[in-house]
Amino acid sequence: MGNIESEDDGLWSRSLKGEGEAFGVLFDRHRDRVFRHAFRLARDRHNAEDIMSTAFLELWRRRGKVRLVEGSILPWLLVTTTNIARNSRRAAFRYSSLLRSLPRNDEAFDATSDGSYMDDAVDINVALALGTLNTTDLQLVSLVVFEEYTLSAAAAVLNLTRGAAKTRMHRARLRMKAAIYGAAGATPATVVERERP
């Protein structure tokens, strides 16, 4: 993925020895990509910031179990970000369900109906299609399509064989296409077509 990411292993080793500055460099290096990934999944700037912060907190908290892929910490961060975003969506859904079940008057503000949080940078049809994938497929698509990792590198971080990753990628593309075509007036999104060998 490039010279910058190949230096992660040295910084990570120094971080594990207690060098806070090395961990800070890793944070500065990857925060923007982790934020973009979180924003794609959360579709809300504030939630994306929380998800990004939690991903880096988890990186430190679970430092003994973190695996670098091709010398980079970024794949681990992206997979963790995906998991945190899913958990955040589940919690938001439960909270929203609770709010809907409470009695209210007609003049009360309904926070769940405000669509102003949507940003033009996120294609809503693609975001909804991503929501149809299971956790492993979402992680795989995120790494290969959005972050442009090779299928082999993504398979390694997800503990899949290359063949299994290729099959999952194919099925995920079909599921996403079906979801996108099912949306009213949707056109095919070429983003789900990209797959690197």
N, C-alpha and C. Protein backbone atom coordinates (compact mmCIF):
# COMPACT_ATOMS: atom_id res chain seq x y z
N MET A 1 0.82 -1.19 0.00
CA MET A 1 0.00 0.00 0.00
C MET A 1 0.86 1.26 0.00
N GLY A 2 2.14 1.12 0.06
CA GLY A 2 2.98 2.31 -0.01
C GLY A 2 3.96 2.35 1.13
N ASN A 3 4.96 3.25 1.00
CA ASN A 3 6.03 3.34 1.97
C ASN A 3 5.55 3.78 3.34
N ILE A 4 4.58 4.69 3.38
CA ILE A 4 4.12 5.19 4.68
C ILE A 4 3.56 4.05 5.51
N GLU A 5 2.70 3.24 4.90
CA GLU A 5 2.09 2.17 5.67
C GLU A 5 3.09 1.09 6.03
N SER A 6 4.12 0.89 5.21
CA SER A 6 5.11 -0.14 5.51
C SER A 6 5.92 0.23 6.75
N GLU A 7 5.88 1.48 7.16
CA GLU A 7 6.60 1.92 8.36
C GLU A 7 5.77 1.69 9.62
N ASP A 8 4.51 1.28 9.48
CA ASP A 8 3.65 1.10 10.64
C ASP A 8 4.21 0.07 11.62
N ASP A 9 4.83 -0.98 11.09
CA ASP A 9 5.30 -2.03 11.99
C ASP A 9 6.32 -1.50 12.99
N GLY A 10 7.22 -0.63 12.55
CA GLY A 10 8.19 -0.04 13.46
C GLY A 10 7.54 0.86 14.49
N LEU A 11 6.60 1.69 14.03
CA LEU A 11 5.88 2.56 14.96
C LEU A 11 5.06 1.76 15.95
N TRP A 12 4.44 0.67 15.45
CA TRP A 12 3.62 -0.16 16.33
C TRP A 12 4.48 -0.83 17.39
N SER A 13 5.65 -1.32 16.99
CA SER A 13 6.57 -1.94 17.97
C SER A 13 6.97 -0.93 19.04
N ARG A 14 7.27 0.29 18.61
CA ARG A 14 7.64 1.33 19.58
C ARG A 14 6.46 1.68 20.48
N SER A 15 5.24 1.68 19.92
CA SER A 15 4.05 1.97 20.72
C SER A 15 3.87 0.92 21.80
N LEU A 16 4.10 -0.34 21.44
CA LEU A 16 3.94 -1.43 22.40
C LEU A 16 4.95 -1.35 23.53
N LYS A 17 6.06 -0.66 23.28
CA LYS A 17 7.07 -0.47 24.32
C LYS A 17 6.77 0.75 25.17
N GLY A 18 5.64 1.41 24.90
CA GLY A 18 5.23 2.54 25.73
C GLY A 18 5.54 3.91 25.17
N GLU A 19 5.97 3.99 23.92
CA GLU A 19 6.26 5.29 23.32
C GLU A 19 4.97 5.92 22.81
N GLY A 20 4.43 6.85 23.58
CA GLY A 20 3.19 7.52 23.20
C GLY A 20 3.31 8.30 21.92
N GLU A 21 4.50 8.85 21.67
CA GLU A 21 4.69 9.63 20.44
C GLU A 21 4.53 8.76 19.20
N ALA A 22 4.99 7.52 19.25
CA ALA A 22 4.86 6.61 18.10
C ALA A 22 3.38 6.31 17.85
N PHE A 23 2.61 6.11 18.92
CA PHE A 23 1.18 5.87 18.76
C PHE A 23 0.51 7.11 18.18
N GLY A 24 0.94 8.28 18.61
CA GLY A 24 0.41 9.53 18.08
C GLY A 24 0.66 9.67 16.59
N VAL A 25 1.83 9.23 16.14
CA VAL A 25 2.14 9.28 14.70
C VAL A 25 1.21 8.34 13.94
N LEU A 26 0.97 7.16 14.48
CA LEU A 26 0.03 6.22 13.85
C LEU A 26 -1.37 6.84 13.76
N PHE A 27 -1.79 7.49 14.84
CA PHE A 27 -3.09 8.16 14.84
C PHE A 27 -3.15 9.23 13.76
N ASP A 28 -2.15 10.10 13.73
CA ASP A 28 -2.12 11.18 12.73
C ASP A 28 -2.10 10.63 11.31
N ARG A 29 -1.40 9.53 11.12
CA ARG A 29 -1.26 8.93 9.79
C ARG A 29 -2.57 8.35 9.27
N HIS A 30 -3.36 7.73 10.14
CA HIS A 30 -4.52 6.97 9.67
C HIS A 30 -5.88 7.55 10.05
N ARG A 31 -5.91 8.61 10.84
CA ARG A 31 -7.21 9.10 11.31
C ARG A 31 -8.13 9.54 10.18
N ASP A 32 -7.60 10.15 9.13
CA ASP A 32 -8.47 10.63 8.05
C ASP A 32 -9.14 9.48 7.31
N ARG A 33 -8.38 8.42 7.03
CA ARG A 33 -8.98 7.29 6.32
C ARG A 33 -9.98 6.55 7.22
N VAL A 34 -9.65 6.44 8.50
CA VAL A 34 -10.58 5.79 9.42
C VAL A 34 -11.85 6.63 9.55
N PHE A 35 -11.70 7.95 9.60
CA PHE A 35 -12.87 8.82 9.68
C PHE A 35 -13.73 8.69 8.43
N ARG A 36 -13.12 8.72 7.25
CA ARG A 36 -13.89 8.58 6.01
C ARG A 36 -14.66 7.27 5.99
N HIS A 37 -14.02 6.21 6.44
CA HIS A 37 -14.68 4.90 6.48
C HIS A 37 -15.84 4.94 7.47
N ALA A 38 -15.62 5.52 8.64
CA ALA A 38 -16.69 5.61 9.64
C ALA A 38 -17.84 6.47 9.11
N PHE A 39 -17.52 7.54 8.41
CA PHE A 39 -18.55 8.42 7.87
C PHE A 39 -19.38 7.71 6.80
N ARG A 40 -18.71 6.92 5.97
CA ARG A 40 -19.44 6.13 4.96
C ARG A 40 -20.46 5.22 5.61
N LEU A 41 -20.09 4.65 6.74
CA LEU A 41 -20.97 3.70 7.42
C LEU A 41 -22.02 4.38 8.29
N ALA A 42 -21.64 5.47 8.96
CA ALA A 42 -22.55 6.12 9.90
C ALA A 42 -23.42 7.20 9.23
N ARG A 43 -22.91 7.79 8.16
CA ARG A 43 -23.61 8.86 7.42
C ARG A 43 -23.90 10.07 8.30
N ASP A 44 -23.12 10.26 9.33
CA ASP A 44 -23.29 11.37 10.25
C ASP A 44 -21.91 11.75 10.78
N ARG A 45 -21.58 13.02 10.65
CA ARG A 45 -20.23 13.48 11.00
C ARG A 45 -19.91 13.25 12.48
N HIS A 46 -20.85 13.57 13.37
CA HIS A 46 -20.58 13.42 14.81
C HIS A 46 -20.43 11.95 15.20
N ASN A 47 -21.30 11.11 14.68
CA ASN A 47 -21.18 9.68 14.96
C ASN A 47 -19.88 9.13 14.40
N ALA A 48 -19.50 9.59 13.21
CA ALA A 48 -18.25 9.13 12.60
C ALA A 48 -17.05 9.49 13.46
N GLU A 49 -17.07 10.68 14.05
CA GLU A 49 -15.98 11.08 14.94
C GLU A 49 -15.92 10.18 16.16
N ASP A 50 -17.09 9.87 16.72
CA ASP A 50 -17.13 8.97 17.88
C ASP A 50 -16.63 7.58 17.52
N ILE A 51 -17.05 7.09 16.37
CA ILE A 51 -16.63 5.76 15.92
C ILE A 51 -15.13 5.72 15.69
N MET A 52 -14.59 6.77 15.05
CA MET A 52 -13.15 6.83 14.82
C MET A 52 -12.39 6.82 16.14
N SER A 53 -12.83 7.63 17.09
CA SER A 53 -12.16 7.69 18.40
C SER A 53 -12.20 6.33 19.09
N THR A 54 -13.34 5.68 19.02
CA THR A 54 -13.49 4.37 19.65
C THR A 54 -12.59 3.34 18.99
N ALA A 55 -12.42 3.43 17.67
CA ALA A 55 -11.55 2.49 16.95
C ALA A 55 -10.10 2.61 17.44
N PHE A 56 -9.63 3.84 17.62
CA PHE A 56 -8.27 4.02 18.11
C PHE A 56 -8.14 3.62 19.58
N LEU A 57 -9.19 3.84 20.34
CA LEU A 57 -9.19 3.38 21.74
C LEU A 57 -9.10 1.86 21.79
N GLU A 58 -9.87 1.19 20.91
CA GLU A 58 -9.83 -0.28 20.83
C GLU A 58 -8.45 -0.76 20.37
N LEU A 59 -7.83 0.00 19.46
CA LEU A 59 -6.49 -0.36 19.00
C LEU A 59 -5.54 -0.45 20.19
N TRP A 60 -5.62 0.51 21.09
CA TRP A 60 -4.74 0.49 22.25
C TRP A 60 -5.20 -0.55 23.27
N ARG A 61 -6.50 -0.62 23.50
CA ARG A 61 -7.01 -1.56 24.51
C ARG A 61 -6.72 -3.01 24.14
N ARG A 62 -6.79 -3.33 22.86
CA ARG A 62 -6.59 -4.71 22.41
C ARG A 62 -5.23 -4.90 21.74
N ARG A 63 -4.27 -4.09 22.12
CA ARG A 63 -2.96 -4.06 21.46
C ARG A 63 -2.27 -5.42 21.43
N GLY A 64 -2.54 -6.27 22.40
CA GLY A 64 -1.91 -7.59 22.43
C GLY A 64 -2.44 -8.53 21.36
N LYS A 65 -3.61 -8.23 20.79
CA LYS A 65 -4.23 -9.11 19.80
C LYS A 65 -4.24 -8.52 18.39
N VAL A 66 -3.67 -7.34 18.22
CA VAL A 66 -3.70 -6.65 16.93
C VAL A 66 -2.72 -7.32 15.96
N ARG A 67 -3.21 -7.53 14.72
CA ARG A 67 -2.36 -8.10 13.66
C ARG A 67 -2.18 -7.07 12.55
N LEU A 68 -0.93 -6.86 12.17
CA LEU A 68 -0.65 -5.99 11.05
C LEU A 68 -0.75 -6.80 9.77
N VAL A 69 -1.21 -6.18 8.69
CA VAL A 69 -1.30 -6.83 7.39
C VAL A 69 -0.40 -6.07 6.44
N GLU A 70 0.54 -6.78 5.85
CA GLU A 70 1.52 -6.18 4.95
C GLU A 70 2.20 -4.98 5.61
N GLY A 71 2.47 -5.11 6.91
CA GLY A 71 3.18 -4.07 7.65
C GLY A 71 2.32 -2.87 8.02
N SER A 72 1.01 -2.94 7.86
CA SER A 72 0.14 -1.80 8.13
C SER A 72 -0.88 -2.12 9.22
N ILE A 73 -1.16 -1.14 10.04
CA ILE A 73 -2.17 -1.24 11.08
C ILE A 73 -3.55 -0.89 10.53
N LEU A 74 -3.60 -0.24 9.37
CA LEU A 74 -4.85 0.27 8.83
C LEU A 74 -5.91 -0.79 8.59
N PRO A 75 -5.62 -1.96 8.03
CA PRO A 75 -6.70 -2.94 7.86
C PRO A 75 -7.37 -3.32 9.18
N TRP A 76 -6.59 -3.48 10.24
CA TRP A 76 -7.18 -3.80 11.54
C TRP A 76 -8.10 -2.66 11.99
N LEU A 77 -7.65 -1.43 11.81
CA LEU A 77 -8.46 -0.29 12.19
C LEU A 77 -9.77 -0.22 11.39
N LEU A 78 -9.70 -0.53 10.10
CA LEU A 78 -10.90 -0.45 9.26
C LEU A 78 -11.91 -1.53 9.63
N VAL A 79 -11.43 -2.73 9.91
CA VAL A 79 -12.34 -3.81 10.32
C VAL A 79 -12.97 -3.46 11.67
N THR A 80 -12.17 -2.96 12.58
CA THR A 80 -12.70 -2.56 13.89
C THR A 80 -13.70 -1.43 13.75
N THR A 81 -13.42 -0.48 12.87
CA THR A 81 -14.34 0.63 12.61
C THR A 81 -15.68 0.11 12.11
N THR A 82 -15.64 -0.87 11.21
CA THR A 82 -16.87 -1.48 10.69
C THR A 82 -17.69 -2.08 11.83
N ASN A 83 -17.02 -2.82 12.71
CA ASN A 83 -17.72 -3.45 13.83
C ASN A 83 -18.33 -2.41 14.77
N ILE A 84 -17.58 -1.37 15.06
CA ILE A 84 -18.08 -0.33 15.96
C ILE A 84 -19.27 0.39 15.33
N ALA A 85 -19.20 0.65 14.02
CA ALA A 85 -20.31 1.32 13.33
C ALA A 85 -21.57 0.46 13.37
N ARG A 86 -21.41 -0.84 13.18
CA ARG A 86 -22.57 -1.74 13.25
C ARG A 86 -23.18 -1.72 14.65
N ASN A 87 -22.34 -1.79 15.67
CA ASN A 87 -22.85 -1.75 17.04
C ASN A 87 -23.54 -0.42 17.33
N SER A 88 -22.98 0.65 16.80
CA SER A 88 -23.57 1.97 16.99
C SER A 88 -24.94 2.06 16.33
N ARG A 89 -25.08 1.49 15.12
CA ARG A 89 -26.37 1.48 14.42
C ARG A 89 -27.40 0.69 15.21
N ARG A 90 -26.98 -0.44 15.75
CA ARG A 90 -27.91 -1.26 16.55
C ARG A 90 -28.39 -0.48 17.77
N ALA A 91 -27.45 0.18 18.45
CA ALA A 91 -27.81 0.96 19.64
C ALA A 91 -28.74 2.11 19.25
N ALA A 92 -28.47 2.77 18.13
CA ALA A 92 -29.32 3.87 17.68
C ALA A 92 -30.72 3.36 17.33
N PHE A 93 -30.79 2.18 16.73
CA PHE A 93 -32.09 1.60 16.39
C PHE A 93 -32.90 1.30 17.65
N ARG A 94 -32.23 0.72 18.65
CA ARG A 94 -32.92 0.43 19.91
C ARG A 94 -33.41 1.72 20.57
N TYR A 95 -32.58 2.73 20.55
CA TYR A 95 -32.94 4.02 21.14
C TYR A 95 -34.12 4.64 20.38
N SER A 96 -34.04 4.60 19.05
CA SER A 96 -35.11 5.13 18.21
C SER A 96 -36.42 4.39 18.46
N SER A 97 -36.35 3.08 18.59
CA SER A 97 -37.55 2.28 18.87
C SER A 97 -38.15 2.66 20.21
N LEU A 98 -37.30 2.88 21.18
CA LEU A 98 -37.78 3.30 22.49
C LEU A 98 -38.48 4.65 22.39
N LEU A 99 -37.88 5.60 21.67
CA LEU A 99 -38.50 6.92 21.52
C LEU A 99 -39.86 6.83 20.83
N ARG A 100 -39.96 5.99 19.81
CA ARG A 100 -41.23 5.84 19.09
C ARG A 100 -42.30 5.21 19.97
N SER A 101 -41.88 4.41 20.93
CA SER A 101 -42.87 3.74 21.79
C SER A 101 -43.40 4.65 22.89
N LEU A 102 -42.72 5.77 23.13
CA LEU A 102 -43.15 6.68 24.20
C LEU A 102 -44.30 7.56 23.71
N PRO A 103 -45.25 7.86 24.60
CA PRO A 103 -46.32 8.79 24.21
C PRO A 103 -45.74 10.18 24.01
N ARG A 104 -46.28 10.90 23.02
CA ARG A 104 -45.79 12.26 22.77
C ARG A 104 -46.92 13.07 22.17
N ASN A 105 -46.78 14.38 22.28
CA ASN A 105 -47.78 15.23 21.66
C ASN A 105 -47.34 15.60 20.25
N ASP A 106 -48.22 16.14 19.45
CA ASP A 106 -47.93 16.44 18.05
C ASP A 106 -46.88 17.50 17.86
N GLU A 107 -46.66 18.34 18.88
CA GLU A 107 -45.72 19.44 18.74
C GLU A 107 -44.30 19.04 19.10
N ALA A 108 -44.12 17.86 19.62
CA ALA A 108 -42.78 17.43 20.05
C ALA A 108 -41.87 17.25 18.85
N PHE A 109 -40.64 17.57 19.03
CA PHE A 109 -39.66 17.41 17.97
C PHE A 109 -39.26 15.94 17.86
N ASP A 110 -39.32 15.42 16.67
CA ASP A 110 -38.94 14.02 16.43
C ASP A 110 -37.54 13.99 15.85
N ALA A 111 -36.56 13.67 16.70
CA ALA A 111 -35.16 13.66 16.26
C ALA A 111 -34.90 12.61 15.22
N THR A 112 -35.71 11.57 15.19
CA THR A 112 -35.45 10.48 14.26
C THR A 112 -35.90 10.80 12.84
N SER A 113 -36.70 11.85 12.64
CA SER A 113 -37.22 12.13 11.31
C SER A 113 -36.42 13.19 10.57
N ASP A 114 -35.44 13.79 11.21
CA ASP A 114 -34.67 14.85 10.59
C ASP A 114 -33.62 14.25 9.66
N GLY A 115 -33.74 14.49 8.38
CA GLY A 115 -32.80 13.93 7.41
C GLY A 115 -31.65 14.86 7.10
N SER A 116 -31.50 15.95 7.86
CA SER A 116 -30.47 16.93 7.54
C SER A 116 -29.06 16.42 7.78
N TYR A 117 -28.92 15.30 8.46
CA TYR A 117 -27.58 14.79 8.75
C TYR A 117 -26.93 14.17 7.51
N MET A 118 -27.71 13.92 6.47
CA MET A 118 -27.15 13.27 5.29
C MET A 118 -26.23 14.24 4.56
N ASP A 119 -25.11 13.76 4.16
CA ASP A 119 -24.12 14.56 3.46
C ASP A 119 -24.10 14.11 2.01
N ASP A 120 -23.95 15.05 1.09
CA ASP A 120 -23.93 14.71 -0.33
C ASP A 120 -22.77 13.78 -0.68
N ALA A 121 -21.74 13.74 0.16
CA ALA A 121 -20.58 12.91 -0.14
C ALA A 121 -20.89 11.42 -0.03
N VAL A 122 -22.01 11.07 0.60
CA VAL A 122 -22.37 9.66 0.76
C VAL A 122 -23.57 9.36 -0.12
N ASP A 123 -23.43 8.39 -1.01
CA ASP A 123 -24.55 7.97 -1.84
C ASP A 123 -25.47 7.12 -0.98
N ILE A 124 -26.69 7.59 -0.76
CA ILE A 124 -27.61 6.92 0.15
C ILE A 124 -27.93 5.50 -0.31
N ASN A 125 -28.04 5.29 -1.62
CA ASN A 125 -28.34 3.95 -2.12
C ASN A 125 -27.21 2.97 -1.82
N VAL A 126 -25.98 3.43 -1.97
CA VAL A 126 -24.83 2.57 -1.65
C VAL A 126 -24.78 2.30 -0.15
N ALA A 127 -25.04 3.33 0.65
CA ALA A 127 -25.02 3.16 2.10
C ALA A 127 -26.09 2.15 2.53
N LEU A 128 -27.28 2.25 1.94
CA LEU A 128 -28.34 1.30 2.29
C LEU A 128 -27.98 -0.10 1.81
N ALA A 129 -27.36 -0.20 0.64
CA ALA A 129 -26.96 -1.51 0.12
C ALA A 129 -25.89 -2.14 1.03
N LEU A 130 -24.98 -1.32 1.55
CA LEU A 130 -23.97 -1.83 2.48
C LEU A 130 -24.64 -2.42 3.73
N GLY A 131 -25.77 -1.85 4.12
CA GLY A 131 -26.49 -2.33 5.28
C GLY A 131 -27.10 -3.71 5.10
N THR A 132 -27.16 -4.20 3.86
CA THR A 132 -27.72 -5.53 3.61
C THR A 132 -26.68 -6.63 3.79
N LEU A 133 -25.41 -6.26 3.95
CA LEU A 133 -24.34 -7.25 4.04
C LEU A 133 -24.13 -7.70 5.48
N ASN A 134 -23.69 -8.96 5.64
CA ASN A 134 -23.32 -9.41 6.98
C ASN A 134 -21.97 -8.80 7.34
N THR A 135 -21.56 -8.97 8.57
CA THR A 135 -20.36 -8.30 9.07
C THR A 135 -19.12 -8.62 8.25
N THR A 136 -18.87 -9.89 7.98
CA THR A 136 -17.66 -10.26 7.23
C THR A 136 -17.68 -9.70 5.83
N ASP A 137 -18.82 -9.78 5.15
CA ASP A 137 -18.90 -9.24 3.79
C ASP A 137 -18.75 -7.73 3.77
N LEU A 138 -19.31 -7.05 4.78
CA LEU A 138 -19.16 -5.61 4.86
C LEU A 138 -17.70 -5.23 5.06
N GLN A 139 -17.01 -5.97 5.92
CA GLN A 139 -15.59 -5.71 6.13
C GLN A 139 -14.80 -5.94 4.86
N LEU A 140 -15.10 -7.02 4.16
CA LEU A 140 -14.41 -7.36 2.92
C LEU A 140 -14.62 -6.29 1.86
N VAL A 141 -15.87 -5.89 1.65
CA VAL A 141 -16.18 -4.86 0.66
C VAL A 141 -15.50 -3.55 1.04
N SER A 142 -15.53 -3.20 2.31
CA SER A 142 -14.90 -1.96 2.76
C SER A 142 -13.41 -1.93 2.46
N LEU A 143 -12.74 -3.04 2.75
CA LEU A 143 -11.30 -3.09 2.52
C LEU A 143 -10.96 -3.07 1.03
N VAL A 144 -11.69 -3.85 0.24
CA VAL A 144 -11.35 -3.99 -1.19
C VAL A 144 -11.85 -2.82 -2.01
N VAL A 145 -13.10 -2.44 -1.84
CA VAL A 145 -13.69 -1.42 -2.70
C VAL A 145 -13.32 -0.01 -2.27
N PHE A 146 -13.54 0.31 -1.00
CA PHE A 146 -13.34 1.68 -0.55
C PHE A 146 -11.90 2.00 -0.20
N GLU A 147 -11.19 1.04 0.37
CA GLU A 147 -9.83 1.30 0.80
C GLU A 147 -8.78 0.76 -0.17
N GLU A 148 -9.24 0.07 -1.22
CA GLU A 148 -8.40 -0.39 -2.33
C GLU A 148 -7.29 -1.34 -1.91
N TYR A 149 -7.58 -2.19 -0.94
CA TYR A 149 -6.65 -3.26 -0.61
C TYR A 149 -6.86 -4.39 -1.61
N THR A 150 -5.83 -5.18 -1.82
CA THR A 150 -5.98 -6.34 -2.69
C THR A 150 -6.90 -7.35 -2.01
N LEU A 151 -7.48 -8.19 -2.81
CA LEU A 151 -8.35 -9.23 -2.27
C LEU A 151 -7.56 -10.15 -1.33
N SER A 152 -6.31 -10.43 -1.68
CA SER A 152 -5.46 -11.29 -0.85
C SER A 152 -5.19 -10.64 0.51
N ALA A 153 -4.90 -9.34 0.52
CA ALA A 153 -4.62 -8.65 1.79
C ALA A 153 -5.88 -8.61 2.66
N ALA A 154 -7.01 -8.32 2.04
CA ALA A 154 -8.27 -8.29 2.79
C ALA A 154 -8.59 -9.68 3.35
N ALA A 155 -8.36 -10.71 2.54
CA ALA A 155 -8.60 -12.09 3.00
C ALA A 155 -7.72 -12.40 4.21
N ALA A 156 -6.48 -11.95 4.18
CA ALA A 156 -5.55 -12.22 5.28
C ALA A 156 -6.03 -11.59 6.59
N VAL A 157 -6.47 -10.33 6.52
CA VAL A 157 -6.90 -9.67 7.75
C VAL A 157 -8.20 -10.27 8.29
N LEU A 158 -9.02 -10.84 7.41
CA LEU A 158 -10.29 -11.42 7.84
C LEU A 158 -10.20 -12.93 8.08
N ASN A 159 -8.99 -13.49 7.99
CA ASN A 159 -8.77 -14.92 8.18
C ASN A 159 -9.58 -15.77 7.20
N LEU A 160 -9.59 -15.35 5.94
CA LEU A 160 -10.27 -16.09 4.88
C LEU A 160 -9.25 -16.57 3.87
N THR A 161 -9.58 -17.64 3.17
CA THR A 161 -8.74 -18.02 2.04
C THR A 161 -9.06 -17.06 0.91
N ARG A 162 -8.16 -16.96 -0.06
CA ARG A 162 -8.42 -16.07 -1.19
C ARG A 162 -9.66 -16.51 -1.94
N GLY A 163 -9.84 -17.82 -2.09
CA GLY A 163 -11.02 -18.35 -2.79
C GLY A 163 -12.31 -17.99 -2.08
N ALA A 164 -12.30 -18.12 -0.75
CA ALA A 164 -13.50 -17.78 0.02
C ALA A 164 -13.79 -16.28 -0.08
N ALA A 165 -12.73 -15.47 -0.05
CA ALA A 165 -12.90 -14.02 -0.16
C ALA A 165 -13.47 -13.65 -1.53
N LYS A 166 -12.98 -14.32 -2.57
CA LYS A 166 -13.47 -14.04 -3.93
C LYS A 166 -14.95 -14.40 -4.05
N THR A 167 -15.34 -15.54 -3.50
CA THR A 167 -16.74 -15.95 -3.53
C THR A 167 -17.61 -14.98 -2.74
N ARG A 168 -17.15 -14.60 -1.55
CA ARG A 168 -17.91 -13.66 -0.72
C ARG A 168 -18.05 -12.31 -1.43
N MET A 169 -16.98 -11.87 -2.09
CA MET A 169 -17.01 -10.59 -2.80
C MET A 169 -18.04 -10.63 -3.92
N HIS A 170 -18.06 -11.73 -4.65
CA HIS A 170 -19.02 -11.88 -5.75
C HIS A 170 -20.46 -11.84 -5.22
N ARG A 171 -20.73 -12.58 -4.17
CA ARG A 171 -22.08 -12.61 -3.60
C ARG A 171 -22.46 -11.26 -3.01
N ALA A 172 -21.50 -10.59 -2.39
CA ALA A 172 -21.78 -9.27 -1.81
C ALA A 172 -22.13 -8.28 -2.92
N ARG A 173 -21.41 -8.33 -4.03
CA ARG A 173 -21.73 -7.44 -5.17
C ARG A 173 -23.14 -7.70 -5.68
N LEU A 174 -23.51 -8.97 -5.80
CA LEU A 174 -24.85 -9.31 -6.28
C LEU A 174 -25.92 -8.79 -5.30
N ARG A 175 -25.68 -8.98 -4.01
CA ARG A 175 -26.65 -8.51 -3.02
C ARG A 175 -26.77 -6.99 -3.04
N MET A 176 -25.63 -6.31 -3.17
CA MET A 176 -25.67 -4.85 -3.21
C MET A 176 -26.36 -4.34 -4.47
N LYS A 177 -26.09 -4.99 -5.61
CA LYS A 177 -26.76 -4.60 -6.85
C LYS A 177 -28.27 -4.75 -6.71
N ALA A 178 -28.69 -5.86 -6.13
CA ALA A 178 -30.13 -6.09 -5.95
C ALA A 178 -30.72 -5.01 -5.06
N ALA A 179 -30.02 -4.63 -4.01
CA ALA A 179 -30.52 -3.59 -3.10
C ALA A 179 -30.58 -2.24 -3.80
N ILE A 180 -29.56 -1.94 -4.60
CA ILE A 180 -29.52 -0.65 -5.29
C ILE A 180 -30.60 -0.59 -6.37
N TYR A 181 -30.74 -1.66 -7.15
CA TYR A 181 -31.79 -1.68 -8.17
C TYR A 181 -33.17 -1.65 -7.56
N GLY A 182 -33.29 -2.18 -6.35
CA GLY A 182 -34.58 -2.20 -5.68
C GLY A 182 -35.01 -0.83 -5.18
N ALA A 183 -34.05 0.09 -5.02
CA ALA A 183 -34.38 1.44 -4.56
C ALA A 183 -35.06 2.19 -5.70
N ALA A 184 -35.99 3.00 -5.37
CA ALA A 184 -36.75 3.73 -6.38
C ALA A 184 -35.85 4.64 -7.19
N GLY A 185 -35.88 4.48 -8.50
CA GLY A 185 -35.13 5.34 -9.40
C GLY A 185 -33.63 5.18 -9.31
N ALA A 186 -33.16 4.12 -8.74
CA ALA A 186 -31.72 3.96 -8.57
C ALA A 186 -31.08 3.55 -9.88
N THR A 187 -29.84 3.95 -10.04
CA THR A 187 -29.03 3.53 -11.17
C THR A 187 -27.90 2.68 -10.63
N PRO A 188 -27.33 1.82 -11.45
CA PRO A 188 -26.24 0.97 -10.94
C PRO A 188 -25.09 1.81 -10.42
N ALA A 189 -24.56 1.43 -9.30
CA ALA A 189 -23.40 2.12 -8.73
C ALA A 189 -22.15 1.39 -9.15
N THR A 190 -21.31 2.08 -9.88
CA THR A 190 -20.11 1.43 -10.39
C THR A 190 -19.13 1.12 -9.29
N VAL A 191 -19.32 1.75 -8.12
CA VAL A 191 -18.37 1.51 -7.03
C VAL A 191 -18.35 0.06 -6.60
N VAL A 192 -19.47 -0.66 -6.71
CA VAL A 192 -19.47 -2.05 -6.28
C VAL A 192 -18.88 -2.97 -7.32
N GLU A 193 -18.55 -2.44 -8.49
CA GLU A 193 -17.98 -3.26 -9.54
C GLU A 193 -16.48 -3.42 -9.39
N ARG A 194 -15.85 -2.48 -8.66
CA ARG A 194 -14.39 -2.51 -8.58
C ARG A 194 -13.92 -3.64 -7.69
N GLU A 195 -13.02 -4.44 -8.22
CA GLU A 195 -12.40 -5.48 -7.40
C GLU A 195 -10.99 -5.65 -7.90
N ARG A 196 -10.04 -5.52 -6.99
CA ARG A 196 -8.65 -5.68 -7.37
C ARG A 196 -8.23 -7.11 -7.13
N PRO A 197 -7.35 -7.67 -7.97
CA PRO A 197 -6.92 -9.07 -7.79
C PRO A 197 -6.11 -9.26 -6.53
